[in-house]
C-alpha atoms as a PDB file:
ATOM      1  CA  MET A   1      40.283  -2.648  36.541  1.00  0.00           C
ATOM      2  CA  THR A   2      38.716  -5.898  38.062  1.00  0.00           C
ATOM      3  CA  LYS A   3      35.476  -5.583  39.779  1.00  0.00           C
ATOM      4  CA  PRO A   4      35.473  -4.581  43.380  1.00  0.00           C
ATOM      5  CA  ILE A   5      34.800  -7.256  46.009  1.00  0.00           C
ATOM      6  CA  VAL A   6      31.817  -7.069  48.222  1.00  0.00           C
ATOM      7  CA  LEU A   7      31.789  -9.091  51.496  1.00  0.00           C
ATOM      8  CA  ILE A   8      28.215 -10.449  52.339  1.00  0.00           C
ATOM      9  CA  PRO A   9      27.925 -12.102  55.803  1.00  0.00           C
ATOM     10  CA  CYS A  10      25.743 -15.320  55.962  1.00  0.00           C
ATOM     11  CA  ASP A  11      22.794 -16.433  57.965  1.00  0.00           C
ATOM     12  CA  VAL A  12      22.755 -19.874  59.500  1.00  0.00           C
ATOM     13  CA  LYS A  13      19.570 -21.792  58.753  1.00  0.00           C
ATOM     14  CA  ASN A  14      18.647 -25.191  59.556  1.00  0.00           C
ATOM     15  CA  LEU A  15      17.604 -27.364  56.513  1.00  0.00           C
ATOM     16  CA  GLY A  16      16.519 -30.633  57.899  1.00  0.00           C
ATOM     17  CA  ASP A  17      18.715 -31.764  60.615  1.00  0.00           C
ATOM     18  CA  TYR A  18      21.798 -29.671  59.617  1.00  0.00           C
ATOM     19  CA  PRO A  19      22.721 -26.013  59.765  1.00  0.00           C
ATOM     20  CA  PHE A  20      23.676 -24.255  56.652  1.00  0.00           C
ATOM     21  CA  HIS A  21      25.434 -20.959  56.044  1.00  0.00           C
ATOM     22  CA  ALA A  22      23.569 -19.079  53.323  1.00  0.00           C
ATOM     23  CA  VAL A  23      22.770 -15.660  51.692  1.00  0.00           C
ATOM     24  CA  GLY A  24      19.454 -15.010  49.725  1.00  0.00           C
ATOM     25  CA  GLU A  25      20.137 -15.122  45.932  1.00  0.00           C
ATOM     26  CA  LYS A  26      18.369 -11.717  45.499  1.00  0.00           C
ATOM     27  CA  TYR A  27      21.131  -9.954  47.499  1.00  0.00           C
ATOM     28  CA  ILE A  28      23.984 -11.803  45.573  1.00  0.00           C
ATOM     29  CA  ALA A  29      22.177 -10.719  42.369  1.00  0.00           C
ATOM     30  CA  ALA A  30      21.947  -7.242  43.104  1.00  0.00           C
ATOM     31  CA  ALA A  31      25.407  -6.956  44.381  1.00  0.00           C
ATOM     32  CA  ALA A  32      26.776  -8.585  41.243  1.00  0.00           C
ATOM     33  CA  HIS A  33      24.432  -7.280  38.575  1.00  0.00           C
ATOM     34  CA  THR A  34      23.344  -3.924  39.768  1.00  0.00           C
ATOM     35  CA  ALA A  35      26.369  -2.748  41.970  1.00  0.00           C
ATOM     36  CA  GLY A  36      28.802  -4.467  39.598  1.00  0.00           C
ATOM     37  CA  ALA A  37      30.687  -6.000  42.227  1.00  0.00           C
ATOM     38  CA  MET A  38      32.153  -9.713  42.827  1.00  0.00           C
ATOM     39  CA  PRO A  39      30.220 -11.205  45.896  1.00  0.00           C
ATOM     40  CA  LEU A  40      32.202 -12.976  48.469  1.00  0.00           C
ATOM     41  CA  LEU A  41      30.128 -14.939  51.245  1.00  0.00           C
ATOM     42  CA  LEU A  42      31.399 -14.774  54.727  1.00  0.00           C
ATOM     43  CA  PRO A  43      30.431 -17.796  56.940  1.00  0.00           C
ATOM     44  CA  ALA A  44      29.011 -16.762  60.351  1.00  0.00           C
ATOM     45  CA  TRP A  45      31.995 -17.052  62.704  1.00  0.00           C
ATOM     46  CA  GLY A  46      29.693 -17.346  65.967  1.00  0.00           C
ATOM     47  CA  ALA A  47      29.799 -20.743  67.569  1.00  0.00           C
ATOM     48  CA  GLY A  48      27.093 -23.108  66.466  1.00  0.00           C
ATOM     49  CA  LYS A  49      25.823 -26.507  67.819  1.00  0.00           C
ATOM     50  CA  ASP A  50      27.993 -28.475  65.406  1.00  0.00           C
ATOM     51  CA  MET A  51      31.242 -26.270  65.402  1.00  0.00           C
ATOM     52  CA  ALA A  52      33.397 -23.940  67.566  1.00  0.00           C
ATOM     53  CA  ALA A  53      33.654 -20.283  66.588  1.00  0.00           C
ATOM     54  CA  LEU A  54      35.392 -19.664  63.273  1.00  0.00           C
ATOM     55  CA  ILE A  55      36.791 -16.170  64.250  1.00  0.00           C
ATOM     56  CA  ASP A  56      40.181 -17.487  65.343  1.00  0.00           C
ATOM     57  CA  HIS A  57      40.599 -19.242  61.956  1.00  0.00           C
ATOM     58  CA  TYR A  58      40.059 -15.980  59.998  1.00  0.00           C
ATOM     59  CA  ASP A  59      42.992 -13.535  59.096  1.00  0.00           C
ATOM     60  CA  LEU A  60      40.719 -10.537  59.289  1.00  0.00           C
ATOM     61  CA  ASP A  61      43.535  -8.126  58.249  1.00  0.00           C
ATOM     62  CA  ALA A  62      44.126 -10.157  54.925  1.00  0.00           C
ATOM     63  CA  LEU A  63      40.358 -10.308  54.378  1.00  0.00           C
ATOM     64  CA  PHE A  64      39.676  -6.592  54.737  1.00  0.00           C
ATOM     65  CA  ASP A  65      42.671  -5.770  52.663  1.00  0.00           C
ATOM     66  CA  ARG A  66      41.059  -7.610  49.752  1.00  0.00           C
ATOM     67  CA  VAL A  67      37.455  -6.493  49.886  1.00  0.00           C
ATOM     68  CA  HIS A  68      36.056  -3.081  48.999  1.00  0.00           C
ATOM     69  CA  GLY A  69      32.617  -2.972  50.733  1.00  0.00           C
ATOM     70  CA  VAL A  70      30.259  -4.713  52.960  1.00  0.00           C
ATOM     71  CA  LEU A  71      26.491  -5.627  52.364  1.00  0.00           C
ATOM     72  CA  LEU A  72      24.591  -6.645  55.422  1.00  0.00           C
ATOM     73  CA  PRO A  73      21.530  -8.564  54.091  1.00  0.00           C
ATOM     74  CA  GLY A  74      17.977  -8.937  55.409  1.00  0.00           C
ATOM     75  CA  SER A  75      16.873 -12.182  56.939  1.00  0.00           C
ATOM     76  CA  TYR A  76      13.668 -13.759  58.404  1.00  0.00           C
ATOM     77  CA  SER A  77      15.664 -13.871  61.617  1.00  0.00           C
ATOM     78  CA  ASN A  78      15.785 -10.825  64.138  1.00  0.00           C
ATOM     79  CA  VAL A  79      18.481  -9.528  66.281  1.00  0.00           C
ATOM     80  CA  HIS A  80      18.319 -11.052  69.783  1.00  0.00           C
ATOM     81  CA  PRO A  81      17.010  -8.529  72.152  1.00  0.00           C
ATOM     82  CA  ARG A  82      19.751  -9.158  74.683  1.00  0.00           C
ATOM     83  CA  HIS A  83      21.904  -6.927  72.362  1.00  0.00           C
ATOM     84  CA  TYR A  84      19.816  -3.881  73.183  1.00  0.00           C
ATOM     85  CA  ASP A  85      18.243  -4.749  76.560  1.00  0.00           C
ATOM     86  CA  GLY A  86      14.850  -5.454  74.757  1.00  0.00           C
ATOM     87  CA  ALA A  87      11.814  -7.655  75.697  1.00  0.00           C
ATOM     88  CA  ASP A  88      12.244 -11.255  74.603  1.00  0.00           C
ATOM     89  CA  VAL A  89       8.962 -11.697  72.569  1.00  0.00           C
ATOM     90  CA  PRO A  90       8.579 -14.929  70.446  1.00  0.00           C
ATOM     91  CA  MET A  91      10.595 -14.480  67.105  1.00  0.00           C
ATOM     92  CA  GLU A  92      13.139 -16.267  65.079  1.00  0.00           C
ATOM     93  CA  HIS A  93      16.707 -15.518  66.182  1.00  0.00           C
ATOM     94  CA  ASP A  94      20.129 -16.267  64.556  1.00  0.00           C
ATOM     95  CA  GLU A  95      22.618 -15.838  67.282  1.00  0.00           C
ATOM     96  CA  GLN A  96      25.557 -16.981  65.193  1.00  0.00           C
ATOM     97  CA  ARG A  97      24.855 -14.078  62.818  1.00  0.00           C
ATOM     98  CA  ASP A  98      24.627 -11.792  65.757  1.00  0.00           C
ATOM     99  CA  GLU A  99      28.037 -13.030  67.124  1.00  0.00           C
ATOM    100  CA  THR A 100      29.388 -12.380  63.623  1.00  0.00           C
ATOM    101  CA  ILE A 101      27.859  -8.897  62.786  1.00  0.00           C
ATOM    102  CA  PHE A 102      28.374  -6.847  66.086  1.00  0.00           C
ATOM    103  CA  PRO A 103      32.182  -7.334  66.044  1.00  0.00           C
ATOM    104  CA  LEU A 104      32.250  -7.065  62.181  1.00  0.00           C
ATOM    105  CA  ILE A 105      30.524  -3.496  62.078  1.00  0.00           C
ATOM    106  CA  PRO A 106      33.174  -1.570  64.093  1.00  0.00           C
ATOM    107  CA  GLU A 107      35.992  -3.171  61.979  1.00  0.00           C
ATOM    108  CA  VAL A 108      34.217  -2.052  58.692  1.00  0.00           C
ATOM    109  CA  ILE A 109      33.820   1.486  59.953  1.00  0.00           C
ATOM    110  CA  GLU A 110      37.316   1.782  61.317  1.00  0.00           C
ATOM    111  CA  ARG A 111      38.643   0.886  57.941  1.00  0.00           C
ATOM    112  CA  GLY A 112      36.614   3.059  56.019  1.00  0.00           C
ATOM    113  CA  LEU A 113      34.794   0.413  53.959  1.00  0.00           C
ATOM    114  CA  PRO A 114      31.443   1.403  52.244  1.00  0.00           C
ATOM    115  CA  LEU A 115      28.648  -0.426  53.994  1.00  0.00           C
ATOM    116  CA  PHE A 116      25.162  -0.904  52.724  1.00  0.00           C
ATOM    117  CA  ALA A 117      22.763  -2.478  55.326  1.00  0.00           C
ATOM    118  CA  ILE A 118      19.186  -3.677  54.458  1.00  0.00           C
ATOM    119  CA  CYS A 119      16.222  -4.656  56.775  1.00  0.00           C
ATOM    120  CA  ARG A 120      17.941  -6.901  59.470  1.00  0.00           C
ATOM    121  CA  GLY A 121      21.252  -5.342  58.512  1.00  0.00           C
ATOM    122  CA  PHE A 122      19.713  -1.897  58.952  1.00  0.00           C
ATOM    123  CA  GLN A 123      18.563  -2.851  62.462  1.00  0.00           C
ATOM    124  CA  GLU A 124      21.946  -4.391  63.226  1.00  0.00           C
ATOM    125  CA  LEU A 125      23.550  -1.224  62.198  1.00  0.00           C
ATOM    126  CA  ASN A 126      21.388   0.842  64.685  1.00  0.00           C
ATOM    127  CA  VAL A 127      22.001  -1.729  67.474  1.00  0.00           C
ATOM    128  CA  ALA A 128      25.840  -1.710  66.849  1.00  0.00           C
ATOM    129  CA  PHE A 129      25.807   2.178  67.575  1.00  0.00           C
ATOM    130  CA  GLY A 130      23.792   1.719  70.714  1.00  0.00           C
ATOM    131  CA  GLY A 131      20.216   2.024  69.336  1.00  0.00           C
ATOM    132  CA  THR A 132      17.233   0.017  70.292  1.00  0.00           C
ATOM    133  CA  LEU A 133      14.601  -1.726  68.495  1.00  0.00           C
ATOM    134  CA  ASN A 134      10.835  -2.098  68.739  1.00  0.00           C
ATOM    135  CA  PRO A 135      10.304  -5.882  68.184  1.00  0.00           C
ATOM    136  CA  GLN A 136       6.637  -5.497  67.256  1.00  0.00           C
ATOM    137  CA  VAL A 137       5.975  -2.293  65.215  1.00  0.00           C
ATOM    138  CA  HIS A 138       2.439  -3.272  64.365  1.00  0.00           C
ATOM    139  CA  ALA A 139       1.452  -3.246  68.066  1.00  0.00           C
ATOM    140  CA  SER A 140       2.236   0.466  68.334  1.00  0.00           C
ATOM    141  CA  GLY A 141      -0.863   2.598  68.015  1.00  0.00           C
ATOM    142  CA  GLY A 142      -1.314   4.626  64.711  1.00  0.00           C
ATOM    143  CA  SER A 143       1.459   2.886  62.870  1.00  0.00           C
ATOM    144  CA  VAL A 144       1.562   2.068  59.055  1.00  0.00           C
ATOM    145  CA  GLU A 145       1.318  -1.664  58.288  1.00  0.00           C
ATOM    146  CA  HIS A 146       4.857  -2.569  57.876  1.00  0.00           C
ATOM    147  CA  ARG A 147       4.579  -6.389  57.952  1.00  0.00           C
ATOM    148  CA  GLU A 148       4.762  -8.913  55.125  1.00  0.00           C
ATOM    149  CA  ASN A 149       1.620 -10.110  53.822  1.00  0.00           C
ATOM    150  CA  ASP A 150       1.950 -14.025  53.646  1.00  0.00           C
ATOM    151  CA  ASN A 151      -1.432 -14.347  51.943  1.00  0.00           C
ATOM    152  CA  VAL A 152      -0.514 -12.969  48.759  1.00  0.00           C
ATOM    153  CA  PRO A 153       2.055 -14.235  45.861  1.00  0.00           C
ATOM    154  CA  ARG A 154       5.550 -13.533  46.517  1.00  0.00           C
ATOM    155  CA  ASP A 155       6.035 -10.940  43.852  1.00  0.00           C
ATOM    156  CA  ASP A 156       2.995  -8.968  45.353  1.00  0.00           C
ATOM    157  CA  ARG A 157       4.653  -8.970  48.782  1.00  0.00           C
ATOM    158  CA  TYR A 158       7.469  -6.771  47.379  1.00  0.00           C
ATOM    159  CA  GLU A 159       5.082  -4.197  45.668  1.00  0.00           C
ATOM    160  CA  HIS A 160       5.396  -0.651  47.192  1.00  0.00           C
ATOM    161  CA  ALA A 161       3.397  -0.675  50.388  1.00  0.00           C
ATOM    162  CA  HIS A 162       3.967   2.937  51.557  1.00  0.00           C
ATOM    163  CA  PRO A 163       6.014   6.084  50.715  1.00  0.00           C
ATOM    164  CA  VAL A 164       9.003   7.309  52.638  1.00  0.00           C
ATOM    165  CA  ASN A 165       9.964  10.956  53.063  1.00  0.00           C
ATOM    166  CA  VAL A 166      13.538  11.818  52.428  1.00  0.00           C
ATOM    167  CA  GLU A 167      15.557  14.122  54.799  1.00  0.00           C
ATOM    168  CA  PRO A 168      17.136  16.899  52.519  1.00  0.00           C
ATOM    169  CA  GLY A 169      20.760  17.285  52.379  1.00  0.00           C
ATOM    170  CA  GLY A 170      21.803  13.830  53.255  1.00  0.00           C
ATOM    171  CA  LEU A 171      23.512  10.878  51.545  1.00  0.00           C
ATOM    172  CA  LEU A 172      20.219   9.306  50.557  1.00  0.00           C
ATOM    173  CA  ALA A 173      18.695  12.500  49.077  1.00  0.00           C
ATOM    174  CA  GLY A 174      21.848  12.863  46.947  1.00  0.00           C
ATOM    175  CA  ILE A 175      21.492   9.377  45.514  1.00  0.00           C
ATOM    176  CA  VAL A 176      17.543   9.319  44.839  1.00  0.00           C
ATOM    177  CA  ASP A 177      17.266  13.036  43.956  1.00  0.00           C
ATOM    178  CA  CYS A 178      13.620  13.280  45.159  1.00  0.00           C
ATOM    179  CA  GLU A 179      11.575  14.165  48.174  1.00  0.00           C
ATOM    180  CA  SER A 180       9.585  10.952  48.512  1.00  0.00           C
ATOM    181  CA  PHE A 181       9.170   7.582  46.989  1.00  0.00           C
ATOM    182  CA  GLY A 182       7.364   4.247  47.475  1.00  0.00           C
ATOM    183  CA  VAL A 183       9.000   1.271  49.279  1.00  0.00           C
ATOM    184  CA  ASN A 184       8.017  -2.272  49.872  1.00  0.00           C
ATOM    185  CA  SER A 185       7.706  -3.227  53.545  1.00  0.00           C
ATOM    186  CA  LEU A 186       8.285  -6.731  54.950  1.00  0.00           C
ATOM    187  CA  HIS A 187       9.498  -6.253  58.654  1.00  0.00           C
ATOM    188  CA  ASN A 188       8.105  -6.602  62.064  1.00  0.00           C
ATOM    189  CA  GLN A 189      10.831  -5.004  63.872  1.00  0.00           C
ATOM    190  CA  GLY A 190      11.874  -1.322  63.654  1.00  0.00           C
ATOM    191  CA  ILE A 191      14.049   1.412  65.153  1.00  0.00           C
ATOM    192  CA  ALA A 192      12.875   2.537  68.659  1.00  0.00           C
ATOM    193  CA  ARG A 193      15.804   4.704  69.689  1.00  0.00           C
ATOM    194  CA  LEU A 194      18.334   5.889  67.064  1.00  0.00           C
ATOM    195  CA  GLY A 195      21.900   4.820  67.562  1.00  0.00           C
ATOM    196  CA  ASP A 196      24.519   7.316  68.393  1.00  0.00           C
ATOM    197  CA  ARG A 197      26.233   9.115  65.526  1.00  0.00           C
ATOM    198  CA  LEU A 198      23.510   7.788  62.914  1.00  0.00           C
ATOM    199  CA  LYS A 199      21.565  10.300  60.995  1.00  0.00           C
ATOM    200  CA  VAL A 200      18.041   9.791  59.899  1.00  0.00           C
ATOM    201  CA  GLU A 201      17.759   9.772  56.091  1.00  0.00           C
ATOM    202  CA  ALA A 202      14.090   8.931  55.624  1.00  0.00           C
ATOM    203  CA  THR A 203      10.941   8.252  57.592  1.00  0.00           C
ATOM    204  CA  ALA A 204       7.503   6.695  57.147  1.00  0.00           C
ATOM    205  CA  ALA A 205       4.298   8.570  57.519  1.00  0.00           C
ATOM    206  CA  ASP A 206       3.932   7.284  61.138  1.00  0.00           C
ATOM    207  CA  GLY A 207       7.380   8.507  61.912  1.00  0.00           C
ATOM    208  CA  LEU A 208       9.198   5.248  61.717  1.00  0.00           C
ATOM    209  CA  ILE A 209      12.758   5.619  60.711  1.00  0.00           C
ATOM    210  CA  GLU A 210      13.161   3.986  57.337  1.00  0.00           C
ATOM    211  CA  ALA A 211      17.017   5.013  56.385  1.00  0.00           C
ATOM    212  CA  VAL A 212      19.924   5.996  58.280  1.00  0.00           C
ATOM    213  CA  SER A 213      23.613   7.019  57.452  1.00  0.00           C
ATOM    214  CA  LEU A 214      26.792   7.682  59.371  1.00  0.00           C
ATOM    215  CA  PRO A 215      28.371  11.104  58.656  1.00  0.00           C
ATOM    216  CA  GLY A 216      31.713  11.122  57.448  1.00  0.00           C
ATOM    217  CA  HIS A 217      31.490   7.676  55.963  1.00  0.00           C
ATOM    218  CA  TRP A 218      29.738   5.887  53.046  1.00  0.00           C
ATOM    219  CA  VAL A 219      27.501   4.080  55.276  1.00  0.00           C
ATOM    220  CA  LEU A 220      23.587   3.760  54.368  1.00  0.00           C
ATOM    221  CA  GLY A 221      21.076   1.584  56.014  1.00  0.00           C
ATOM    222  CA  VAL A 222      17.401   0.994  54.803  1.00  0.00           C
ATOM    223  CA  GLN A 223      14.548  -0.716  56.255  1.00  0.00           C
ATOM    224  CA  TRP A 224      12.888  -1.698  52.895  1.00  0.00           C
ATOM    225  CA  HIS A 225      14.306  -4.229  50.257  1.00  0.00           C
ATOM    226  CA  PRO A 226      15.933  -2.448  47.268  1.00  0.00           C
ATOM    227  CA  GLU A 227      17.735  -5.833  46.353  1.00  0.00           C
ATOM    228  CA  TRP A 228      14.321  -7.170  45.032  1.00  0.00           C
ATOM    229  CA  ARG A 229      14.505  -6.853  41.239  1.00  0.00           C
ATOM    230  CA  SER A 230      16.943  -4.072  41.748  1.00  0.00           C
ATOM    231  CA  SER A 231      17.539  -3.327  38.087  1.00  0.00           C
ATOM    232  CA  GLU A 232      13.793  -2.771  37.474  1.00  0.00           C
ATOM    233  CA  ASP A 233      13.089  -0.236  40.129  1.00  0.00           C
ATOM    234  CA  ALA A 234      14.637   3.208  39.451  1.00  0.00           C
ATOM    235  CA  ILE A 235      15.315   4.002  43.122  1.00  0.00           C
ATOM    236  CA  SER A 236      16.655   0.530  43.856  1.00  0.00           C
ATOM    237  CA  THR A 237      19.000   0.882  40.839  1.00  0.00           C
ATOM    238  CA  ARG A 238      20.314   4.248  42.035  1.00  0.00           C
ATOM    239  CA  LEU A 239      20.996   2.788  45.452  1.00  0.00           C
ATOM    240  CA  PHE A 240      23.004  -0.172  44.249  1.00  0.00           C
ATOM    241  CA  GLU A 241      24.785   1.719  41.551  1.00  0.00           C
ATOM    242  CA  ALA A 242      25.882   4.333  44.175  1.00  0.00           C
ATOM    243  CA  PHE A 243      27.112   1.628  46.418  1.00  0.00           C
ATOM    244  CA  GLY A 244      28.942   0.011  43.540  1.00  0.00           C
ATOM    245  CA  ALA A 245      30.538   3.523  42.752  1.00  0.00           C
ATOM    246  CA  ALA A 246      31.697   3.839  46.492  1.00  0.00           C
ATOM    247  CA  MET A 247      33.331   0.431  46.284  1.00  0.00           C
ATOM    248  CA  GLN A 248      35.088   1.389  42.925  1.00  0.00           C
ATOM    249  CA  GLN A 249      36.366   4.420  44.613  1.00  0.00           C
ATOM    250  CA  ARG A 250      37.649   2.304  47.563  1.00  0.00           C
ATOM    251  CA  GLN A 251      39.207  -0.077  45.100  1.00  0.00           C
ATOM    252  CA  ALA A 252      41.037   2.869  43.246  1.00  0.00           C
ATOM    253  CA  GLU A 253      42.180   4.428  46.571  1.00  0.00           C
ATOM    254  CA  THR A 254      43.603   1.103  47.855  1.00  0.00           C
ATOM    255  CA  ALA A 255      45.104  -0.256  44.706  1.00  0.00           C
ATOM    256  CA  PRO A 256      48.929  -0.986  45.135  1.00  0.00           C
END
């Protein structure tokens, strides 16, 4: 059997005077080496300053017939607050990604594709189901420090920052087989109101939702970054291997 194909939507980042469509290498590496899939990068189809929207150029039926799962990666950018009627505080946005992801998620769910959403992807998943975000979690009284520490080396930023408590009986609990484990934490935004139909899978000590699922589907969203050296951290390995197994099952079920 050939490897399953995982679709990874791109960010749009300005490098010098030009916009580039890109995905962080760590997401590609985790999808390929730990999940055992063949990554396929999806350019953002939202309209940018140098091009018209690409959505009309895509044969989405043909695309979804060929992929076996979708990975929504994290990003330095944030979901624009207009998508959840939030306050427009100063933050980096990527509206081409917004224009891509929010039509994409319902298609993925309708077709029953496994979906793994990380950090920004986790927040996009919540907004797609009608949830809202707190754009500045650190400004909430009594919260755990969830932000990235820019004053330490990169490797140190991805060390475990706090534990999460796993809800029993859920998708996550079945994968990790433990009640609590440590996670890294590199985000400003977080879930304010949970999206419709989503189920809480894990929380931090301050009550912030750290993982969600969609009952009846293989859909998992996590606020932390399991893609970072995913083959070295036991929990991260289990998450990507479970995602890979779900894609293999999808591949077997849809094989001609």
